[in-house]
Amino acid sequence: MGQPVTVVKKPSSNPGVVRFEINRSITGMSHERYAGAPSDEYDRPCDELARRLFGHQGVESVHINSNVITVNMSHGADDAALGETIEELFTYYRPGVEVPSFEE
């Protein structure tokens, strides 16, 4: 359950820069820049996404502008799992997690 996010990886002319476009706006019309993972006191969807992306090795910075996510990677870092991390942003019930019933 949750809201699936469709992710399309777009090519970049700059080595080490990975760009994704998704089917929903994460920041509204504004943009956010992250040079590191935000602290837990920031709890907007864009903050949570940045935290998850910084959990991957090689992520140096993240920029989110509405539905476009740009990630700067260190030289030689693997960006293969970033798209899946973005797709799972709004997925709340994973395998093994019991879904609550209406009675609860």
Protein backbone atom coordinates (compact mmCIF):
# COMPACT_ATOMS: atom_id res chain seq x y z
CA MET A 1 0.00 0.00 0.00
CA GLY A 2 1.01 3.57 -0.35
CA GLN A 3 1.28 5.83 -3.33
CA PRO A 4 3.55 4.42 -6.04
CA VAL A 5 6.07 6.85 -7.44
CA THR A 6 7.08 6.47 -11.09
CA VAL A 7 10.76 7.29 -11.60
CA VAL A 8 12.44 8.05 -14.92
CA LYS A 9 16.21 8.40 -14.96
CA LYS A 10 17.27 11.17 -17.35
CA PRO A 11 20.69 11.46 -18.97
CA SER A 12 23.08 14.17 -17.85
CA SER A 13 25.96 15.69 -19.78
CA ASN A 14 27.93 16.05 -16.54
CA PRO A 15 29.71 12.95 -15.27
CA GLY A 16 28.73 12.16 -11.70
CA VAL A 17 25.37 13.93 -11.96
CA VAL A 18 22.24 11.76 -11.97
CA ARG A 19 18.82 13.25 -12.65
CA PHE A 20 15.43 11.69 -11.99
CA GLU A 21 11.95 12.89 -12.91
CA ILE A 22 8.99 11.53 -10.94
CA ASN A 23 5.20 11.66 -11.31
CA ARG A 24 4.51 13.87 -8.31
CA SER A 25 5.84 17.07 -6.82
CA ILE A 26 7.94 16.64 -3.69
CA THR A 27 8.64 20.34 -2.93
CA GLY A 28 5.72 22.16 -4.54
CA MET A 29 7.09 25.05 -6.59
CA SER A 30 10.16 25.61 -4.43
CA HIS A 31 13.48 23.80 -4.43
CA GLU A 32 15.70 22.37 -1.72
CA ARG A 33 19.46 21.78 -1.68
CA TYR A 34 21.17 19.34 0.65
CA ALA A 35 24.93 19.11 1.16
CA GLY A 36 24.36 16.40 3.76
CA ALA A 37 21.54 14.43 5.31
CA PRO A 38 19.09 16.71 7.14
CA SER A 39 18.50 16.15 10.83
CA ASP A 40 15.42 14.31 12.08
CA GLU A 41 13.69 17.56 13.08
CA TYR A 42 13.02 18.17 9.37
CA ASP A 43 10.16 15.86 8.41
CA ARG A 44 8.88 16.95 5.00
CA PRO A 45 8.87 14.39 2.17
CA CYS A 46 11.85 16.09 0.50
CA ASP A 47 13.84 15.89 3.76
CA GLU A 48 13.07 12.19 4.13
CA LEU A 49 14.04 11.52 0.52
CA ALA A 50 17.35 13.36 1.00
CA ARG A 51 18.07 11.30 4.14
CA ARG A 52 17.41 8.07 2.24
CA LEU A 53 19.55 9.13 -0.71
CA PHE A 54 22.46 10.10 1.56
CA GLY A 55 22.23 6.58 2.96
CA HIS A 56 23.80 5.39 -0.30
CA GLN A 57 27.54 5.42 -0.62
CA GLY A 58 28.92 8.12 -2.91
CA VAL A 59 26.09 10.68 -2.69
CA GLU A 60 27.69 14.12 -2.26
CA SER A 61 24.70 16.45 -2.66
CA VAL A 62 21.01 16.40 -3.53
CA HIS A 63 18.83 19.05 -5.16
CA ILE A 64 15.04 18.64 -5.38
CA ASN A 65 12.93 21.00 -7.47
CA SER A 66 9.27 20.01 -7.58
CA ASN A 67 9.41 16.61 -9.35
CA VAL A 68 13.06 16.69 -10.48
CA ILE A 69 15.74 15.16 -8.25
CA THR A 70 19.38 15.81 -9.07
CA VAL A 71 22.08 13.83 -7.25
CA ASN A 72 25.80 14.60 -7.39
CA MET A 73 27.83 11.41 -6.98
CA SER A 74 31.49 10.99 -6.09
CA HIS A 75 33.76 9.69 -8.86
CA GLY A 76 33.09 6.04 -9.62
CA ALA A 77 30.10 5.71 -7.26
CA ASP A 78 27.28 3.38 -8.26
CA ASP A 79 23.88 5.05 -8.73
CA ALA A 80 21.94 1.86 -9.55
CA ALA A 81 19.87 1.73 -6.35
CA LEU A 82 18.88 5.41 -6.22
CA GLY A 83 15.82 5.03 -8.46
CA GLU A 84 14.43 2.25 -6.27
CA THR A 85 14.96 4.39 -3.16
CA ILE A 86 12.91 7.17 -4.75
CA GLU A 87 10.18 4.74 -5.87
CA GLU A 88 9.76 3.47 -2.32
CA LEU A 89 9.36 6.94 -0.75
CA PHE A 90 5.59 6.64 -0.22
CA THR A 91 5.37 2.86 0.20
CA TYR A 92 4.42 2.25 3.81
CA TYR A 93 3.56 -1.44 3.96
CA ARG A 94 6.46 -3.67 3.07
CA PRO A 95 6.53 -7.49 3.04
CA GLY A 96 6.18 -8.81 6.58
CA VAL A 97 4.39 -5.69 7.89
CA GLU A 98 0.83 -6.37 9.00
CA VAL A 99 -1.71 -4.04 7.39
CA PRO A 100 -4.19 -2.65 9.96
CA SER A 101 -7.85 -3.51 9.53
CA PHE A 102 -10.76 -1.04 9.57
CA GLU A 103 -11.79 -2.35 13.01
CA GLU A 104 -8.47 -1.29 14.50
